[in-house]
Protein backbone atom coordinates (compact mmCIF):
# COMPACT_ATOMS: atom_id res chain seq x y z
CA MET A 1 8.52 5.57 1.04
CA ALA A 2 6.03 4.63 2.90
CA GLY A 3 3.88 1.48 2.47
CA GLU A 4 1.34 -0.30 4.81
CA ASP A 5 3.13 -1.51 7.11
CA ASP A 6 4.91 1.99 8.02
CA ASP A 7 4.62 1.98 11.39
CA ARG A 8 3.97 6.05 11.40
CA PRO A 9 0.77 6.96 13.15
CA LEU A 10 -1.76 8.83 10.00
CA LYS A 11 -2.63 12.14 10.08
CA ARG A 12 -5.69 12.88 11.48
CA ILE A 13 -8.17 15.35 10.34
CA ALA A 14 -8.25 19.44 12.14
CA HIS A 15 -10.52 21.48 11.01
CA GLU A 16 -10.57 24.80 12.78
CA ILE A 17 -13.61 26.61 12.27
CA GLY A 18 -13.74 29.70 10.25
CA GLN A 19 -10.46 28.18 8.20
CA ASP A 20 -10.15 28.85 4.33
CA LEU A 21 -11.83 26.11 2.28
CA SER A 22 -10.99 26.51 -1.28
CA LEU A 23 -7.70 24.83 -0.90
CA LEU A 24 -9.45 22.09 0.47
CA SER A 25 -10.59 19.08 -2.13
CA VAL A 26 -14.78 17.04 -2.05
CA ARG A 27 -13.26 14.50 -0.51
CA GLU A 28 -11.31 16.31 2.57
CA LEU A 29 -14.53 18.93 2.73
CA GLU A 30 -16.63 15.70 3.35
CA ASP A 31 -13.97 14.18 5.48
CA ARG A 32 -14.35 17.14 7.80
CA VAL A 33 -18.24 17.07 7.59
CA ALA A 34 -18.02 13.46 8.30
CA LEU A 35 -15.43 14.91 11.11
CA LEU A 36 -17.84 17.00 12.67
CA GLU A 37 -21.05 15.10 12.58
CA ALA A 38 -18.83 12.59 14.58
CA GLU A 39 -17.82 15.64 17.26
CA ILE A 40 -21.83 16.85 17.02
CA ALA A 41 -23.32 13.03 17.84
CA ARG A 42 -20.73 12.73 21.24
CA LEU A 43 -22.09 16.47 22.08
CA ARG A 44 -25.52 15.40 21.85
CA ALA A 45 -24.75 12.42 23.70
CA ALA A 46 -22.69 14.25 26.28
CA VAL A 47 -25.37 16.91 26.85
CA ALA A 48 -28.37 13.96 27.19
CA GLY A 49 -26.17 11.87 29.94
CA LYS A 50 -25.92 15.46 31.58
CA GLN A 51 -29.74 16.18 31.27
CA ALA A 52 -30.37 12.78 32.48
CA SER A 53 -28.30 13.11 35.88
CA ARG A 54 -29.87 16.32 36.02
CA ASP A 55 -33.19 15.16 36.18
CA ALA A 56 -32.50 12.08 38.64
CA ALA A 57 -30.89 14.51 41.28
CA ASP A 58 -34.07 16.66 40.75
CA ARG A 59 -36.69 13.68 41.42
CA PHE A 60 -33.82 12.97 44.52
CA PHE A 61 -34.33 15.88 45.98
CA LYS A 62 -37.64 16.98 44.69
CA ASN A 63 -39.20 13.97 48.01
């Protein structure tokens, strides 16, 4: 029986784009929305970082 002291890793939420959502509970759907929102934020931060690097390089090489 699994308890709070169980050393097994927690099951990670995975979401596949386009997967059938009909068997998921409201809680599972909300968890996936949160997961995807966090991933979108991570992607936007990566874009911003790369854009800042590109802008800095453009300024350096224009001088």
